[in-house]
Amino acid sequence: MQTIEIDILNPKVLSILENLVDLELIRFKEKSKDDFLKLVNKIRNNSDIEINEDEIAYEVKAVRKSRNEGK
């Protein structure tokens, strides 16, 4: 089985996709907000480095500064 993510540009395509579901050719899988948290926790568990809130804030400020300089 292959899983892909698609962006639907025209809402009319939903009826086509629903027909494919009825034919049991595809299925919809709902994503939950917990999926993101699971991913974050997985990344954290695989990291040897601990980062604190001050370090995160510093990185965010650095990225914002570099973006603003590019304008």
PDB file of N, CA and C in Angstrom:
ATOM      1  N   MET A   1       0.848  -1.175   0.000  1.00  0.00           N
ATOM      2  CA  MET A   1       0.000   0.000   0.000  1.00  0.00           C
ATOM      3  C   MET A   1       0.890   1.233   0.000  1.00  0.00           C
ATOM      4  N   GLN A   2       0.521   2.216  -0.773  1.00  0.00           N
ATOM      5  CA  GLN A   2       1.247   3.469  -0.866  1.00  0.00           C
ATOM      6  C   GLN A   2       0.364   4.586  -0.323  1.00  0.00           C
ATOM      7  N   THR A   3       0.945   5.461   0.469  1.00  0.00           N
ATOM      8  CA  THR A   3       0.209   6.586   1.024  1.00  0.00           C
ATOM      9  C   THR A   3       0.761   7.870   0.432  1.00  0.00           C
ATOM     10  N   ILE A   4      -0.143   8.740  -0.013  1.00  0.00           N
ATOM     11  CA  ILE A   4       0.263  10.039  -0.552  1.00  0.00           C
ATOM     12  C   ILE A   4      -0.616  11.115   0.066  1.00  0.00           C
ATOM     13  N   GLU A   5      -0.131  12.331   0.009  1.00  0.00           N
ATOM     14  CA  GLU A   5      -0.911  13.476   0.466  1.00  0.00           C
ATOM     15  C   GLU A   5      -1.168  14.349  -0.753  1.00  0.00           C
ATOM     16  N   ILE A   6      -2.404  14.784  -0.920  1.00  0.00           N
ATOM     17  CA  ILE A   6      -2.748  15.603  -2.073  1.00  0.00           C
ATOM     18  C   ILE A   6      -3.393  16.899  -1.612  1.00  0.00           C
ATOM     19  N   ASP A   7      -3.245  17.926  -2.420  1.00  0.00           N
ATOM     20  CA  ASP A   7      -3.937  19.188  -2.212  1.00  0.00           C
ATOM     21  C   ASP A   7      -5.059  19.259  -3.227  1.00  0.00           C
ATOM     22  N   ILE A   8      -6.267  19.425  -2.758  1.00  0.00           N
ATOM     23  CA  ILE A   8      -7.430  19.466  -3.642  1.00  0.00           C
ATOM     24  C   ILE A   8      -7.635  20.917  -4.066  1.00  0.00           C
ATOM     25  N   LEU A   9      -7.501  21.159  -5.351  1.00  0.00           N
ATOM     26  CA  LEU A   9      -7.631  22.509  -5.884  1.00  0.00           C
ATOM     27  C   LEU A   9      -9.064  22.841  -6.287  1.00  0.00           C
ATOM     28  N   ASN A  10      -9.817  21.820  -6.621  1.00  0.00           N
ATOM     29  CA  ASN A  10     -11.198  22.023  -7.037  1.00  0.00           C
ATOM     30  C   ASN A  10     -12.083  21.128  -6.174  1.00  0.00           C
ATOM     31  N   PRO A  11     -13.024  21.709  -5.426  1.00  0.00           N
ATOM     32  CA  PRO A  11     -13.866  20.918  -4.529  1.00  0.00           C
ATOM     33  C   PRO A  11     -14.691  19.837  -5.242  1.00  0.00           C
ATOM     34  N   LYS A  12     -14.879  19.977  -6.542  1.00  0.00           N
ATOM     35  CA  LYS A  12     -15.650  18.987  -7.292  1.00  0.00           C
ATOM     36  C   LYS A  12     -14.967  17.622  -7.302  1.00  0.00           C
ATOM     37  N   VAL A  13     -13.661  17.608  -7.101  1.00  0.00           N
ATOM     38  CA  VAL A  13     -12.929  16.346  -7.135  1.00  0.00           C
ATOM     39  C   VAL A  13     -13.294  15.452  -5.947  1.00  0.00           C
ATOM     40  N   LEU A  14     -13.837  16.037  -4.894  1.00  0.00           N
ATOM     41  CA  LEU A  14     -14.231  15.238  -3.728  1.00  0.00           C
ATOM     42  C   LEU A  14     -15.249  14.166  -4.093  1.00  0.00           C
ATOM     43  N   SER A  15     -16.173  14.499  -4.972  1.00  0.00           N
ATOM     44  CA  SER A  15     -17.167  13.493  -5.370  1.00  0.00           C
ATOM     45  C   SER A  15     -16.500  12.339  -6.117  1.00  0.00           C
ATOM     46  N   ILE A  16     -15.493  12.640  -6.905  1.00  0.00           N
ATOM     47  CA  ILE A  16     -14.756  11.589  -7.604  1.00  0.00           C
ATOM     48  C   ILE A  16     -14.038  10.701  -6.603  1.00  0.00           C
ATOM     49  N   LEU A  17     -13.392  11.330  -5.621  1.00  0.00           N
ATOM     50  CA  LEU A  17     -12.690  10.559  -4.597  1.00  0.00           C
ATOM     51  C   LEU A  17     -13.660   9.709  -3.777  1.00  0.00           C
ATOM     52  N   GLU A  18     -14.814  10.254  -3.484  1.00  0.00           N
ATOM     53  CA  GLU A  18     -15.816   9.493  -2.736  1.00  0.00           C
ATOM     54  C   GLU A  18     -16.288   8.282  -3.544  1.00  0.00           C
ATOM     55  N   ASN A  19     -16.396   8.436  -4.855  1.00  0.00           N
ATOM     56  CA  ASN A  19     -16.748   7.290  -5.711  1.00  0.00           C
ATOM     57  C   ASN A  19     -15.670   6.209  -5.644  1.00  0.00           C
ATOM     58  N   LEU A  20     -14.413   6.625  -5.598  1.00  0.00           N
ATOM     59  CA  LEU A  20     -13.324   5.654  -5.492  1.00  0.00           C
ATOM     60  C   LEU A  20     -13.360   4.941  -4.145  1.00  0.00           C
ATOM     61  N   VAL A  21     -13.781   5.656  -3.116  1.00  0.00           N
ATOM     62  CA  VAL A  21     -13.943   5.028  -1.802  1.00  0.00           C
ATOM     63  C   VAL A  21     -15.060   3.993  -1.869  1.00  0.00           C
ATOM     64  N   ASP A  22     -16.161   4.356  -2.504  1.00  0.00           N
ATOM     65  CA  ASP A  22     -17.294   3.423  -2.639  1.00  0.00           C
ATOM     66  C   ASP A  22     -16.895   2.155  -3.393  1.00  0.00           C
ATOM     67  N   LEU A  23     -15.990   2.298  -4.348  1.00  0.00           N
ATOM     68  CA  LEU A  23     -15.509   1.146  -5.114  1.00  0.00           C
ATOM     69  C   LEU A  23     -14.407   0.385  -4.367  1.00  0.00           C
ATOM     70  N   GLU A  24     -14.098   0.844  -3.167  1.00  0.00           N
ATOM     71  CA  GLU A  24     -13.054   0.251  -2.326  1.00  0.00           C
ATOM     72  C   GLU A  24     -11.697   0.237  -3.011  1.00  0.00           C
ATOM     73  N   LEU A  25     -11.425   1.325  -3.746  1.00  0.00           N
ATOM     74  CA  LEU A  25     -10.132   1.475  -4.397  1.00  0.00           C
ATOM     75  C   LEU A  25      -9.182   2.338  -3.567  1.00  0.00           C
ATOM     76  N   ILE A  26      -9.756   3.224  -2.791  1.00  0.00           N
ATOM     77  CA  ILE A  26      -8.972   4.076  -1.895  1.00  0.00           C
ATOM     78  C   ILE A  26      -9.723   4.218  -0.585  1.00  0.00           C
ATOM     79  N   ARG A  27      -9.050   4.797   0.404  1.00  0.00           N
ATOM     80  CA  ARG A  27      -9.748   5.141   1.641  1.00  0.00           C
ATOM     81  C   ARG A  27      -9.186   6.452   2.157  1.00  0.00           C
ATOM     82  N   PHE A  28     -10.013   7.174   2.852  1.00  0.00           N
ATOM     83  CA  PHE A  28      -9.594   8.415   3.494  1.00  0.00           C
ATOM     84  C   PHE A  28      -9.087   8.089   4.882  1.00  0.00           C
ATOM     85  N   LYS A  29      -8.024   8.738   5.248  1.00  0.00           N
ATOM     86  CA  LYS A  29      -7.485   8.585   6.586  1.00  0.00           C
ATOM     87  C   LYS A  29      -7.434   9.972   7.218  1.00  0.00           C
ATOM     88  N   GLU A  30      -8.150  10.118   8.290  1.00  0.00           N
ATOM     89  CA  GLU A  30      -8.179  11.396   8.986  1.00  0.00           C
ATOM     90  C   GLU A  30      -6.888  11.588   9.761  1.00  0.00           C
ATOM     91  N   LYS A  31      -6.352  12.783   9.693  1.00  0.00           N
ATOM     92  CA  LYS A  31      -5.175  13.108  10.490  1.00  0.00           C
ATOM     93  C   LYS A  31      -5.652  13.810  11.752  1.00  0.00           C
ATOM     94  N   SER A  32      -5.046  13.442  12.842  1.00  0.00           N
ATOM     95  CA  SER A  32      -5.407  14.089  14.093  1.00  0.00           C
ATOM     96  C   SER A  32      -4.301  15.048  14.493  1.00  0.00           C
ATOM     97  N   LYS A  33      -4.629  15.948  15.379  1.00  0.00           N
ATOM     98  CA  LYS A  33      -3.637  16.895  15.885  1.00  0.00           C
ATOM     99  C   LYS A  33      -2.557  16.175  16.678  1.00  0.00           C
ATOM    100  N   ASP A  34      -2.890  14.993  17.169  1.00  0.00           N
ATOM    101  CA  ASP A  34      -1.913  14.218  17.927  1.00  0.00           C
ATOM    102  C   ASP A  34      -0.776  13.721  17.041  1.00  0.00           C
ATOM    103  N   ASP A  35      -1.007  13.618  15.728  1.00  0.00           N
ATOM    104  CA  ASP A  35       0.044  13.166  14.827  1.00  0.00           C
ATOM    105  C   ASP A  35       1.253  14.088  14.895  1.00  0.00           C
ATOM    106  N   PHE A  36       0.998  15.393  14.961  1.00  0.00           N
ATOM    107  CA  PHE A  36       2.098  16.350  15.048  1.00  0.00           C
ATOM    108  C   PHE A  36       2.866  16.174  16.343  1.00  0.00           C
ATOM    109  N   LEU A  37       2.143  16.029  17.436  1.00  0.00           N
ATOM    110  CA  LEU A  37       2.812  15.854  18.723  1.00  0.00           C
ATOM    111  C   LEU A  37       3.612  14.561  18.769  1.00  0.00           C
ATOM    112  N   LYS A  38       3.100  13.512  18.160  1.00  0.00           N
ATOM    113  CA  LYS A  38       3.840  12.250  18.093  1.00  0.00           C
ATOM    114  C   LYS A  38       5.145  12.436  17.326  1.00  0.00           C
ATOM    115  N   LEU A  39       5.086  13.181  16.237  1.00  0.00           N
ATOM    116  CA  LEU A  39       6.282  13.440  15.452  1.00  0.00           C
ATOM    117  C   LEU A  39       7.304  14.245  16.253  1.00  0.00           C
ATOM    118  N   VAL A  40       6.846  15.267  16.940  1.00  0.00           N
ATOM    119  CA  VAL A  40       7.743  16.083  17.763  1.00  0.00           C
ATOM    120  C   VAL A  40       8.400  15.221  18.838  1.00  0.00           C
ATOM    121  N   ASN A  41       7.632  14.408  19.502  1.00  0.00           N
ATOM    122  CA  ASN A  41       8.188  13.541  20.542  1.00  0.00           C
ATOM    123  C   ASN A  41       9.176  12.537  19.968  1.00  0.00           C
ATOM    124  N   LYS A  42       8.891  12.025  18.787  1.00  0.00           N
ATOM    125  CA  LYS A  42       9.806  11.079  18.146  1.00  0.00           C
ATOM    126  C   LYS A  42      11.136  11.756  17.842  1.00  0.00           C
ATOM    127  N   ILE A  43      11.067  12.973  17.330  1.00  0.00           N
ATOM    128  CA  ILE A  43      12.287  13.715  17.035  1.00  0.00           C
ATOM    129  C   ILE A  43      13.060  14.004  18.314  1.00  0.00           C
ATOM    130  N   ARG A  44      12.345  14.419  19.345  1.00  0.00           N
ATOM    131  CA  ARG A  44      13.007  14.697  20.626  1.00  0.00           C
ATOM    132  C   ARG A  44      13.674  13.449  21.192  1.00  0.00           C
ATOM    133  N   ASN A  45      13.018  12.322  21.105  1.00  0.00           N
ATOM    134  CA  ASN A  45      13.576  11.079  21.641  1.00  0.00           C
ATOM    135  C   ASN A  45      14.814  10.628  20.885  1.00  0.00           C
ATOM    136  N   ASN A  46      14.920  10.999  19.619  1.00  0.00           N
ATOM    137  CA  ASN A  46      16.064  10.599  18.805  1.00  0.00           C
ATOM    138  C   ASN A  46      17.226  11.585  18.898  1.00  0.00           C
ATOM    139  N   SER A  47      17.049  12.659  19.643  1.00  0.00           N
ATOM    140  CA  SER A  47      18.081  13.680  19.750  1.00  0.00           C
ATOM    141  C   SER A  47      18.933  13.464  20.993  1.00  0.00           C
ATOM    142  N   ASP A  48      20.237  13.663  20.823  1.00  0.00           N
ATOM    143  CA  ASP A  48      21.154  13.571  21.958  1.00  0.00           C
ATOM    144  C   ASP A  48      21.301  14.919  22.664  1.00  0.00           C
ATOM    145  N   ILE A  49      20.780  15.965  22.043  1.00  0.00           N
ATOM    146  CA  ILE A  49      20.952  17.318  22.562  1.00  0.00           C
ATOM    147  C   ILE A  49      19.647  17.800  23.174  1.00  0.00           C
ATOM    148  N   GLU A  50      19.739  18.323  24.387  1.00  0.00           N
ATOM    149  CA  GLU A  50      18.561  18.944  24.996  1.00  0.00           C
ATOM    150  C   GLU A  50      18.597  20.430  24.707  1.00  0.00           C
ATOM    151  N   ILE A  51      17.460  21.000  24.425  1.00  0.00           N
ATOM    152  CA  ILE A  51      17.367  22.420  24.137  1.00  0.00           C
ATOM    153  C   ILE A  51      16.340  23.027  25.081  1.00  0.00           C
ATOM    154  N   ASN A  52      16.658  24.201  25.601  1.00  0.00           N
ATOM    155  CA  ASN A  52      15.719  24.845  26.520  1.00  0.00           C
ATOM    156  C   ASN A  52      14.995  25.991  25.816  1.00  0.00           C
ATOM    157  N   GLU A  53      14.067  26.609  26.510  1.00  0.00           N
ATOM    158  CA  GLU A  53      13.238  27.657  25.902  1.00  0.00           C
ATOM    159  C   GLU A  53      14.061  28.867  25.471  1.00  0.00           C
ATOM    160  N   ASP A  54      15.099  29.203  26.220  1.00  0.00           N
ATOM    161  CA  ASP A  54      15.946  30.342  25.857  1.00  0.00           C
ATOM    162  C   ASP A  54      16.660  30.095  24.532  1.00  0.00           C
ATOM    163  N   GLU A  55      17.122  28.861  24.332  1.00  0.00           N
ATOM    164  CA  GLU A  55      17.795  28.527  23.083  1.00  0.00           C
ATOM    165  C   GLU A  55      16.820  28.553  21.910  1.00  0.00           C
ATOM    166  N   ILE A  56      15.615  28.109  22.140  1.00  0.00           N
ATOM    167  CA  ILE A  56      14.587  28.147  21.095  1.00  0.00           C
ATOM    168  C   ILE A  56      14.279  29.595  20.729  1.00  0.00           C
ATOM    169  N   ALA A  57      14.088  30.432  21.750  1.00  0.00           N
ATOM    170  CA  ALA A  57      13.796  31.851  21.515  1.00  0.00           C
ATOM    171  C   ALA A  57      14.928  32.522  20.740  1.00  0.00           C
ATOM    172  N   TYR A  58      16.169  32.184  21.076  1.00  0.00           N
ATOM    173  CA  TYR A  58      17.321  32.753  20.380  1.00  0.00           C
ATOM    174  C   TYR A  58      17.290  32.372  18.902  1.00  0.00           C
ATOM    175  N   GLU A  59      17.017  31.106  18.617  1.00  0.00           N
ATOM    176  CA  GLU A  59      16.966  30.634  17.233  1.00  0.00           C
ATOM    177  C   GLU A  59      15.835  31.306  16.457  1.00  0.00           C
ATOM    178  N   VAL A  60      14.674  31.451  17.100  1.00  0.00           N
ATOM    179  CA  VAL A  60      13.533  32.104  16.445  1.00  0.00           C
ATOM    180  C   VAL A  60      13.886  33.545  16.108  1.00  0.00           C
ATOM    181  N   LYS A  61      14.496  34.255  17.043  1.00  0.00           N
ATOM    182  CA  LYS A  61      14.895  35.651  16.795  1.00  0.00           C
ATOM    183  C   LYS A  61      15.909  35.739  15.664  1.00  0.00           C
ATOM    184  N   ALA A  62      16.846  34.807  15.622  1.00  0.00           N
ATOM    185  CA  ALA A  62      17.863  34.817  14.561  1.00  0.00           C
ATOM    186  C   ALA A  62      17.228  34.600  13.193  1.00  0.00           C
ATOM    187  N   VAL A  63      16.291  33.673  13.104  1.00  0.00           N
ATOM    188  CA  VAL A  63      15.614  33.423  11.828  1.00  0.00           C
ATOM    189  C   VAL A  63      14.793  34.631  11.411  1.00  0.00           C
ATOM    190  N   ARG A  64      14.063  35.219  12.353  1.00  0.00           N
ATOM    191  CA  ARG A  64      13.261  36.416  12.029  1.00  0.00           C
ATOM    192  C   ARG A  64      14.155  37.560  11.571  1.00  0.00           C
ATOM    193  N   LYS A  65      15.287  37.734  12.230  1.00  0.00           N
ATOM    194  CA  LYS A  65      16.204  38.798  11.860  1.00  0.00           C
ATOM    195  C   LYS A  65      16.718  38.584  10.456  1.00  0.00           C
ATOM    196  N   SER A  66      17.117  37.366  10.119  1.00  0.00           N
ATOM    197  CA  SER A  66      17.635  37.089   8.770  1.00  0.00           C
ATOM    198  C   SER A  66      16.550  37.279   7.711  1.00  0.00           C
ATOM    199  N   ARG A  67      15.313  36.947   8.042  1.00  0.00           N
ATOM    200  CA  ARG A  67      14.215  37.148   7.084  1.00  0.00           C
ATOM    201  C   ARG A  67      13.979  38.643   6.853  1.00  0.00           C
ATOM    202  N   ASN A  68      13.993  39.414   7.955  1.00  0.00           N
ATOM    203  CA  ASN A  68      13.753  40.846   7.833  1.00  0.00           C
ATOM    204  C   ASN A  68      14.869  41.551   7.087  1.00  0.00           C
ATOM    205  N   GLU A  69      16.098  41.069   7.208  1.00  0.00           N
ATOM    206  CA  GLU A  69      17.218  41.666   6.487  1.00  0.00           C
ATOM    207  C   GLU A  69      17.124  41.419   4.988  1.00  0.00           C
ATOM    208  N   GLY A  70      16.458  40.333   4.622  1.00  0.00           N
ATOM    209  CA  GLY A  70      16.314  39.974   3.208  1.00  0.00           C
ATOM    210  C   GLY A  70      15.257  40.778   2.489  1.00  0.00           C
ATOM    211  N   LYS A  71      14.462  41.532   3.217  1.00  0.00           N
ATOM    212  CA  LYS A  71      13.356  42.298   2.594  1.00  0.00           C
ATOM    213  C   LYS A  71      13.835  43.598   2.005  1.00  0.00           C
TER     214      LYS A  71
END
